[in-house]
C-alpha atoms as a PDB file:
ATOM      1  CA  MET A   1    -117.525 -83.932-163.294  1.00  0.00           C
ATOM      2  CA  ASN A   2    -121.029 -84.340-164.768  1.00  0.00           C
ATOM      3  CA  GLN A   3    -122.319 -87.506-166.416  1.00  0.00           C
ATOM      4  CA  ASN A   4    -121.781 -86.247-169.965  1.00  0.00           C
ATOM      5  CA  THR A   5    -118.139 -85.480-169.249  1.00  0.00           C
ATOM      6  CA  LYS A   6    -117.641 -88.855-167.585  1.00  0.00           C
ATOM      7  CA  LYS A   7    -119.082 -90.603-170.642  1.00  0.00           C
ATOM      8  CA  LEU A   8    -116.870 -88.533-172.946  1.00  0.00           C
ATOM      9  CA  ILE A   9    -113.749 -89.477-170.980  1.00  0.00           C
ATOM     10  CA  ARG A  10    -114.775 -93.134-170.947  1.00  0.00           C
ATOM     11  CA  ASP A  11    -115.393 -93.167-174.697  1.00  0.00           C
ATOM     12  CA  LEU A  12    -112.107 -91.425-175.472  1.00  0.00           C
ATOM     13  CA  TYR A  13    -110.197 -93.783-173.185  1.00  0.00           C
ATOM     14  CA  LYS A  14    -111.662 -96.863-174.844  1.00  0.00           C
ATOM     15  CA  GLY A  15    -111.527 -95.439-178.368  1.00  0.00           C
ATOM     16  CA  ASN A  16    -107.762 -94.923-178.311  1.00  0.00           C
ATOM     17  CA  LYS A  17    -107.115 -98.101-176.277  1.00  0.00           C
ATOM     18  CA  LEU A  18    -105.375 -96.192-173.519  1.00  0.00           C
ATOM     19  CA  PHE A  19    -105.333 -99.318-171.383  1.00  0.00           C
ATOM     20  CA  ASP A  20    -102.526-100.510-173.690  1.00  0.00           C
ATOM     21  CA  LEU A  21    -100.530 -97.370-172.908  1.00  0.00           C
ATOM     22  CA  GLU A  22    -101.060 -97.989-169.189  1.00  0.00           C
ATOM     23  CA  LYS A  23     -99.558-101.456-169.688  1.00  0.00           C
ATOM     24  CA  GLY A  24     -96.525 -99.885-171.349  1.00  0.00           C
ATOM     25  CA  LEU A  25     -96.175 -97.436-168.485  1.00  0.00           C
ATOM     26  CA  LYS A  26     -96.830-100.169-165.919  1.00  0.00           C
ATOM     27  CA  TYR A  27     -99.037 -97.614-164.246  1.00  0.00           C
ATOM     28  CA  LYS A  28    -102.844 -97.644-164.010  1.00  0.00           C
ATOM     29  CA  PHE A  29    -104.581 -94.302-163.604  1.00  0.00           C
ATOM     30  CA  LYS A  30    -107.103 -93.837-160.861  1.00  0.00           C
ATOM     31  CA  ASN A  31    -108.345 -90.702-162.639  1.00  0.00           C
ATOM     32  CA  ARG A  32    -108.600 -91.527-166.340  1.00  0.00           C
ATOM     33  CA  ALA A  33    -109.490 -87.940-167.175  1.00  0.00           C
ATOM     34  CA  LEU A  34    -105.883 -86.934-166.443  1.00  0.00           C
ATOM     35  CA  LEU A  35    -104.566 -89.508-168.915  1.00  0.00           C
ATOM     36  CA  VAL A  36    -107.004 -88.406-171.617  1.00  0.00           C
ATOM     37  CA  LYS A  37    -106.122 -84.734-171.090  1.00  0.00           C
ATOM     38  CA  ALA A  38    -102.390 -85.489-171.298  1.00  0.00           C
ATOM     39  CA  LEU A  39    -102.899 -87.000-174.757  1.00  0.00           C
ATOM     40  CA  MET A  40    -105.256 -84.351-176.158  1.00  0.00           C
ATOM     41  CA  HIS A  41    -103.576 -82.327-178.908  1.00  0.00           C
ATOM     42  CA  PRO A  42    -104.984 -78.751-179.117  1.00  0.00           C
ATOM     43  CA  SER A  43    -105.843 -79.178-182.804  1.00  0.00           C
ATOM     44  CA  TYR A  44    -108.012 -82.219-182.044  1.00  0.00           C
ATOM     45  CA  LYS A  45    -109.957 -80.239-179.474  1.00  0.00           C
ATOM     46  CA  GLY A  46    -110.515 -77.524-182.075  1.00  0.00           C
ATOM     47  CA  ASN A  47    -112.337 -79.986-184.325  1.00  0.00           C
ATOM     48  CA  HIS A  48    -114.488 -81.374-181.506  1.00  0.00           C
ATOM     49  CA  PRO A  49    -116.544 -78.677-179.743  1.00  0.00           C
ATOM     50  CA  GLU A  50    -117.633 -81.118-177.036  1.00  0.00           C
ATOM     51  CA  ILE A  51    -114.029 -81.227-175.784  1.00  0.00           C
ATOM     52  CA  SER A  52    -112.911 -78.288-173.625  1.00  0.00           C
ATOM     53  CA  PHE A  53    -109.403 -79.413-172.616  1.00  0.00           C
ATOM     54  CA  ASP A  54    -105.983 -80.244-174.073  1.00  0.00           C
ATOM     55  CA  TYR A  55    -102.493 -81.110-172.831  1.00  0.00           C
ATOM     56  CA  GLU A  56    -101.002 -77.614-172.625  1.00  0.00           C
ATOM     57  CA  ARG A  57    -101.560 -76.963-168.898  1.00  0.00           C
ATOM     58  CA  LEU A  58    -100.256 -80.420-168.017  1.00  0.00           C
ATOM     59  CA  GLU A  59     -97.261 -79.876-170.287  1.00  0.00           C
ATOM     60  CA  PHE A  60     -96.390 -76.753-168.281  1.00  0.00           C
ATOM     61  CA  LEU A  61     -96.399 -78.728-165.038  1.00  0.00           C
ATOM     62  CA  GLY A  62     -94.678 -81.771-166.545  1.00  0.00           C
ATOM     63  CA  ASP A  63     -91.660 -79.729-167.561  1.00  0.00           C
ATOM     64  CA  SER A  64     -91.049 -78.885-163.904  1.00  0.00           C
ATOM     65  CA  VAL A  65     -91.749 -82.438-162.707  1.00  0.00           C
ATOM     66  CA  ILE A  66     -89.131 -83.851-165.094  1.00  0.00           C
ATOM     67  CA  ALA A  67     -86.652 -81.108-164.210  1.00  0.00           C
ATOM     68  CA  PHE A  68     -87.020 -81.947-160.520  1.00  0.00           C
ATOM     69  CA  LEU A  69     -86.561 -85.674-161.100  1.00  0.00           C
ATOM     70  CA  VAL A  70     -83.476 -85.152-163.254  1.00  0.00           C
ATOM     71  CA  THR A  71     -81.965 -82.581-160.877  1.00  0.00           C
ATOM     72  CA  THR A  72     -82.476 -84.840-157.848  1.00  0.00           C
ATOM     73  CA  TYR A  73     -81.044 -87.838-159.702  1.00  0.00           C
ATOM     74  CA  LEU A  74     -77.872 -85.918-160.606  1.00  0.00           C
ATOM     75  CA  PHE A  75     -77.543 -84.314-157.167  1.00  0.00           C
ATOM     76  CA  GLU A  76     -77.657 -87.711-155.495  1.00  0.00           C
ATOM     77  CA  LYS A  77     -75.425 -89.451-158.059  1.00  0.00           C
ATOM     78  CA  TYR A  78     -72.628 -86.874-158.243  1.00  0.00           C
ATOM     79  CA  THR A  79     -72.124 -85.907-154.617  1.00  0.00           C
ATOM     80  CA  GLY A  80     -68.676 -84.381-155.148  1.00  0.00           C
ATOM     81  CA  ASN A  81     -69.286 -82.330-158.288  1.00  0.00           C
ATOM     82  CA  GLU A  82     -70.000 -78.628-158.635  1.00  0.00           C
ATOM     83  CA  GLU A  83     -72.991 -76.808-160.140  1.00  0.00           C
ATOM     84  CA  GLY A  84     -71.473 -76.376-163.613  1.00  0.00           C
ATOM     85  CA  PHE A  85     -70.864 -80.105-164.011  1.00  0.00           C
ATOM     86  CA  LEU A  86     -74.406 -80.913-162.853  1.00  0.00           C
ATOM     87  CA  SER A  87     -75.995 -78.292-165.125  1.00  0.00           C
ATOM     88  CA  LYS A  88     -74.222 -79.717-168.167  1.00  0.00           C
ATOM     89  CA  ARG A  89     -75.623 -83.184-167.532  1.00  0.00           C
ATOM     90  CA  LYS A  90     -79.043 -81.837-166.673  1.00  0.00           C
ATOM     91  CA  GLY A  91     -79.160 -80.176-170.091  1.00  0.00           C
ATOM     92  CA  LYS A  92     -78.471 -83.510-171.761  1.00  0.00           C
ATOM     93  CA  ILE A  93     -81.003 -85.601-169.856  1.00  0.00           C
ATOM     94  CA  GLY A  94     -83.706 -82.929-169.892  1.00  0.00           C
ATOM     95  CA  SER A  95     -83.244 -82.069-173.566  1.00  0.00           C
ATOM     96  CA  LYS A  96     -86.232 -82.094-175.887  1.00  0.00           C
ATOM     97  CA  ALA A  97     -84.479 -84.683-178.052  1.00  0.00           C
ATOM     98  CA  PHE A  98     -84.260 -87.073-175.099  1.00  0.00           C
ATOM     99  CA  LEU A  99     -87.935 -86.566-174.242  1.00  0.00           C
ATOM    100  CA  TRP A 100     -88.826 -87.218-177.895  1.00  0.00           C
ATOM    101  CA  GLU A 101     -86.978 -90.537-177.697  1.00  0.00           C
ATOM    102  CA  LEU A 102     -88.916 -91.510-174.584  1.00  0.00           C
ATOM    103  CA  GLY A 103     -92.198 -90.573-176.275  1.00  0.00           C
ATOM    104  CA  LYS A 104     -91.301 -92.761-179.255  1.00  0.00           C
ATOM    105  CA  THR A 105     -90.380 -95.605-176.914  1.00  0.00           C
ATOM    106  CA  LEU A 106     -93.938 -95.511-175.598  1.00  0.00           C
ATOM    107  CA  HIS A 107     -95.336 -95.344-179.177  1.00  0.00           C
ATOM    108  CA  LEU A 108     -97.332 -92.266-178.252  1.00  0.00           C
ATOM    109  CA  GLU A 109     -98.376 -91.859-181.897  1.00  0.00           C
ATOM    110  CA  ARG A 110    -100.857 -94.679-181.257  1.00  0.00           C
ATOM    111  CA  TYR A 111    -102.559 -92.851-178.404  1.00  0.00           C
ATOM    112  CA  ILE A 112    -102.350 -89.074-178.987  1.00  0.00           C
ATOM    113  CA  PHE A 113    -105.674 -87.531-179.945  1.00  0.00           C
ATOM    114  CA  SER A 114    -104.719 -85.808-183.204  1.00  0.00           C
ATOM    115  CA  PRO A 115    -106.597 -84.947-186.438  1.00  0.00           C
ATOM    116  CA  SER A 116    -104.110 -86.905-188.553  1.00  0.00           C
ATOM    117  CA  ILE A 117    -101.142 -89.244-188.466  1.00  0.00           C
ATOM    118  CA  GLU A 118     -99.390 -86.844-190.857  1.00  0.00           C
ATOM    119  CA  LEU A 119     -99.496 -84.099-188.226  1.00  0.00           C
ATOM    120  CA  LEU A 120     -97.778 -86.359-185.718  1.00  0.00           C
ATOM    121  CA  ALA A 121     -95.164 -87.399-188.252  1.00  0.00           C
ATOM    122  CA  LYS A 122     -94.254 -83.761-188.956  1.00  0.00           C
ATOM    123  CA  SER A 123     -94.215 -82.562-185.373  1.00  0.00           C
ATOM    124  CA  ARG A 124     -91.536 -83.941-183.075  1.00  0.00           C
ATOM    125  CA  SER A 125     -92.559 -81.322-180.522  1.00  0.00           C
ATOM    126  CA  THR A 126     -95.906 -83.092-180.139  1.00  0.00           C
ATOM    127  CA  PHE A 127     -94.164 -86.160-178.709  1.00  0.00           C
ATOM    128  CA  GLU A 128     -92.012 -84.012-176.423  1.00  0.00           C
ATOM    129  CA  ASN A 129     -94.975 -81.967-175.173  1.00  0.00           C
ATOM    130  CA  THR A 130     -97.163 -85.025-174.719  1.00  0.00           C
ATOM    131  CA  PHE A 131     -94.504 -86.856-172.733  1.00  0.00           C
ATOM    132  CA  GLU A 132     -94.194 -83.850-170.399  1.00  0.00           C
ATOM    133  CA  ALA A 133     -97.976 -83.739-170.002  1.00  0.00           C
ATOM    134  CA  LEU A 134     -98.039 -87.472-169.329  1.00  0.00           C
ATOM    135  CA  MET A 135     -95.510 -87.120-166.527  1.00  0.00           C
ATOM    136  CA  ALA A 136     -97.606 -84.341-164.998  1.00  0.00           C
ATOM    137  CA  ALA A 137    -100.704 -86.511-165.195  1.00  0.00           C
ATOM    138  CA  ILE A 138     -98.941 -89.365-163.388  1.00  0.00           C
ATOM    139  CA  TYR A 139     -97.657 -86.923-160.762  1.00  0.00           C
ATOM    140  CA  LEU A 140    -101.155 -85.555-160.117  1.00  0.00           C
ATOM    141  CA  ASP A 141    -102.708 -89.026-160.114  1.00  0.00           C
ATOM    142  CA  GLY A 142    -100.162 -90.959-158.054  1.00  0.00           C
ATOM    143  CA  GLY A 143     -97.716 -88.476-156.568  1.00  0.00           C
ATOM    144  CA  LEU A 144     -94.015 -87.845-157.060  1.00  0.00           C
ATOM    145  CA  ARG A 145     -93.027 -91.414-156.213  1.00  0.00           C
ATOM    146  CA  SER A 146     -95.143 -92.790-159.063  1.00  0.00           C
ATOM    147  CA  ALA A 147     -93.812 -90.187-161.499  1.00  0.00           C
ATOM    148  CA  LYS A 148     -90.247 -91.070-160.514  1.00  0.00           C
ATOM    149  CA  LYS A 149     -90.823 -94.808-160.989  1.00  0.00           C
ATOM    150  CA  VAL A 150     -92.333 -94.360-164.445  1.00  0.00           C
ATOM    151  CA  PHE A 151     -89.736 -91.854-165.653  1.00  0.00           C
ATOM    152  CA  PHE A 152     -86.737 -93.946-164.668  1.00  0.00           C
ATOM    153  CA  ARG A 153     -88.383 -97.179-165.772  1.00  0.00           C
ATOM    154  CA  ILE A 154     -88.717 -95.744-169.282  1.00  0.00           C
ATOM    155  CA  GLY A 155     -85.552 -93.674-169.455  1.00  0.00           C
ATOM    156  CA  GLY A 156     -83.218 -95.340-167.000  1.00  0.00           C
ATOM    157  CA  GLY A 157     -81.536 -97.541-169.562  1.00  0.00           C
ATOM    158  CA  ARG A 158     -80.670 -94.507-171.682  1.00  0.00           C
ATOM    159  CA  LEU A 159     -79.395 -92.190-168.962  1.00  0.00           C
ATOM    160  CA  ASP A 160     -75.814 -93.458-168.840  1.00  0.00           C
ATOM    161  CA  LYS A 161     -75.534 -93.349-172.616  1.00  0.00           C
ATOM    162  CA  VAL A 162     -76.816 -89.773-172.706  1.00  0.00           C
ATOM    163  CA  GLU A 163     -74.512 -88.640-169.894  1.00  0.00           C
ATOM    164  CA  GLN A 164     -71.397 -90.250-171.360  1.00  0.00           C
ATOM    165  CA  ASN A 165     -71.870 -88.661-174.768  1.00  0.00           C
ATOM    166  CA  GLU A 166     -69.823 -85.479-174.344  1.00  0.00           C
ATOM    167  CA  ASN A 167     -70.853 -84.137-177.754  1.00  0.00           C
ATOM    168  CA  LEU A 168     -74.571 -84.332-177.074  1.00  0.00           C
ATOM    169  CA  HIS A 169     -74.732 -80.847-175.586  1.00  0.00           C
ATOM    170  CA  ASP A 170     -73.388 -79.269-178.804  1.00  0.00           C
ATOM    171  CA  PRO A 171     -74.558 -81.207-181.894  1.00  0.00           C
ATOM    172  CA  LYS A 172     -74.207 -78.141-184.156  1.00  0.00           C
ATOM    173  CA  SER A 173     -70.473 -77.993-183.487  1.00  0.00           C
ATOM    174  CA  LEU A 174     -70.136 -81.728-183.985  1.00  0.00           C
ATOM    175  CA  LEU A 175     -71.968 -81.585-187.317  1.00  0.00           C
ATOM    176  CA  GLN A 176     -69.882 -78.601-188.414  1.00  0.00           C
ATOM    177  CA  GLU A 177     -66.644 -80.410-187.561  1.00  0.00           C
ATOM    178  CA  TYR A 178     -67.792 -83.443-189.570  1.00  0.00           C
ATOM    179  CA  ASN A 179     -68.610 -81.307-192.593  1.00  0.00           C
ATOM    180  CA  LEU A 180     -65.262 -79.550-192.539  1.00  0.00           C
ATOM    181  CA  LYS A 181     -63.398 -82.842-192.237  1.00  0.00           C
ATOM    182  CA  THR A 182     -65.291 -84.254-195.218  1.00  0.00           C
ATOM    183  CA  ASN A 183     -64.868 -81.052-197.290  1.00  0.00           C
ATOM    184  CA  GLN A 184     -68.615 -80.377-197.530  1.00  0.00           C
ATOM    185  CA  GLY A 185     -68.533 -76.817-196.236  1.00  0.00           C
ATOM    186  CA  LEU A 186     -70.700 -75.504-193.424  1.00  0.00           C
ATOM    187  CA  PRO A 187     -74.181 -76.921-192.726  1.00  0.00           C
ATOM    188  CA  PHE A 188     -77.050 -74.661-193.808  1.00  0.00           C
ATOM    189  CA  TYR A 189     -80.134 -74.304-191.607  1.00  0.00           C
ATOM    190  CA  ASP A 190     -83.468 -73.230-193.101  1.00  0.00           C
ATOM    191  CA  THR A 191     -85.554 -72.266-190.071  1.00  0.00           C
ATOM    192  CA  LYS A 192     -89.209 -71.211-190.252  1.00  0.00           C
ATOM    193  CA  GLU A 193     -92.241 -70.938-188.000  1.00  0.00           C
ATOM    194  CA  ASN A 194     -94.032 -74.249-187.465  1.00  0.00           C
ATOM    195  CA  PRO A 195     -97.476 -74.060-189.162  1.00  0.00           C
ATOM    196  CA  ASP A 196     -98.893 -76.858-186.995  1.00  0.00           C
ATOM    197  CA  ASP A 197     -97.554 -76.036-183.519  1.00  0.00           C
ATOM    198  CA  PRO A 198     -96.169 -72.995-181.698  1.00  0.00           C
ATOM    199  CA  GLY A 199     -92.455 -72.792-182.356  1.00  0.00           C
ATOM    200  CA  PHE A 200     -90.131 -73.398-185.289  1.00  0.00           C
ATOM    201  CA  ILE A 201     -89.035 -76.084-187.758  1.00  0.00           C
ATOM    202  CA  SER A 202     -85.444 -76.186-188.998  1.00  0.00           C
ATOM    203  CA  SER A 203     -84.162 -78.161-192.000  1.00  0.00           C
ATOM    204  CA  VAL A 204     -80.421 -78.751-192.159  1.00  0.00           C
ATOM    205  CA  TYR A 205     -78.680 -79.110-195.529  1.00  0.00           C
ATOM    206  CA  ILE A 206     -75.239 -80.568-196.263  1.00  0.00           C
ATOM    207  CA  GLY A 207     -73.729 -79.924-199.661  1.00  0.00           C
ATOM    208  CA  GLY A 208     -77.036 -78.497-200.839  1.00  0.00           C
ATOM    209  CA  LYS A 209     -78.950 -81.686-199.936  1.00  0.00           C
ATOM    210  CA  LEU A 210     -81.497 -82.022-197.144  1.00  0.00           C
ATOM    211  CA  LEU A 211     -80.137 -84.151-194.307  1.00  0.00           C
ATOM    212  CA  CYS A 212     -83.012 -83.971-191.810  1.00  0.00           C
ATOM    213  CA  TRP A 213     -85.108 -81.549-189.789  1.00  0.00           C
ATOM    214  CA  GLY A 214     -85.952 -80.723-186.202  1.00  0.00           C
ATOM    215  CA  SER A 215     -88.355 -78.571-184.204  1.00  0.00           C
ATOM    216  CA  GLY A 216     -88.281 -76.442-181.085  1.00  0.00           C
ATOM    217  CA  ALA A 217     -89.836 -73.567-179.183  1.00  0.00           C
ATOM    218  CA  SER A 218     -87.182 -71.161-180.492  1.00  0.00           C
ATOM    219  CA  LYS A 219     -85.088 -70.936-183.671  1.00  0.00           C
ATOM    220  CA  LYS A 220     -82.006 -71.918-181.685  1.00  0.00           C
ATOM    221  CA  GLU A 221     -83.701 -74.968-180.201  1.00  0.00           C
ATOM    222  CA  ALA A 222     -85.081 -76.047-183.598  1.00  0.00           C
ATOM    223  CA  GLU A 223     -81.640 -75.819-185.218  1.00  0.00           C
ATOM    224  CA  ARG A 224     -80.066 -77.726-182.353  1.00  0.00           C
ATOM    225  CA  SER A 225     -82.740 -80.406-182.727  1.00  0.00           C
ATOM    226  CA  ALA A 226     -82.067 -80.656-186.481  1.00  0.00           C
ATOM    227  CA  ALA A 227     -78.336 -80.944-185.836  1.00  0.00           C
ATOM    228  CA  MET A 228     -78.971 -83.627-183.221  1.00  0.00           C
ATOM    229  CA  TYR A 229     -80.940 -85.822-185.618  1.00  0.00           C
ATOM    230  CA  GLY A 230     -78.404 -85.124-188.356  1.00  0.00           C
ATOM    231  CA  CYS A 231     -75.601 -86.350-186.107  1.00  0.00           C
ATOM    232  CA  LYS A 232     -77.543 -89.480-185.292  1.00  0.00           C
ATOM    233  CA  GLN A 233     -78.306 -90.121-188.967  1.00  0.00           C
ATOM    234  CA  LEU A 234     -74.598 -89.833-189.756  1.00  0.00           C
ATOM    235  CA  LYS A 235     -73.809 -92.054-186.755  1.00  0.00           C
ATOM    236  CA  LEU A 236     -71.810 -89.311-185.064  1.00  0.00           C
ATOM    237  CA  LEU A 237     -73.766 -89.874-181.842  1.00  0.00           C
END
């Protein structure tokens, strides 16, 4: 890393007060460049030609790091259960909605390098992607043990709640059942490509009125995300 790059990393680290995020993580990076890269939204890089990196490569790795941690946790916890049981719980804990919650817990909106607060407010996927990238950065900086400590320190208190909620794996069905019971007809999903990030945004309507919206890499994932937040808004979850 040349001197100009080192200065850039140092300035970005100080500018967004990333030392406060390290306090929240209870983890101090040896290589600050990894932390800065994990928080670099691609659109911010596009407006700053001096920056040649973003979080996308780290996000790719972070997805696998989290999957390994969750899979190991379930394998060790449920020693007498079969693959189908474990897969069901893995889907809950590793869901994008759960990662979004963890990202919000860390108040990542304060630290992500983004052109605007409005962009962050519209894009739940940014929090999910950034959290995955952050876990990859910790893994590369401190190894699997450090990644495990941070992940379960942040999410450990929510794991039992997520696992015990049997409806969490199918929020669309839960929302549909609620609507039928309350004579509001079937939910309507308006799903379109996300103009700010790769993927889709889905708005769910009940009785012709907007309930909430969600986002995801596919139309199915976006609709599931919208249903999830709708269920939470209606206190069904």
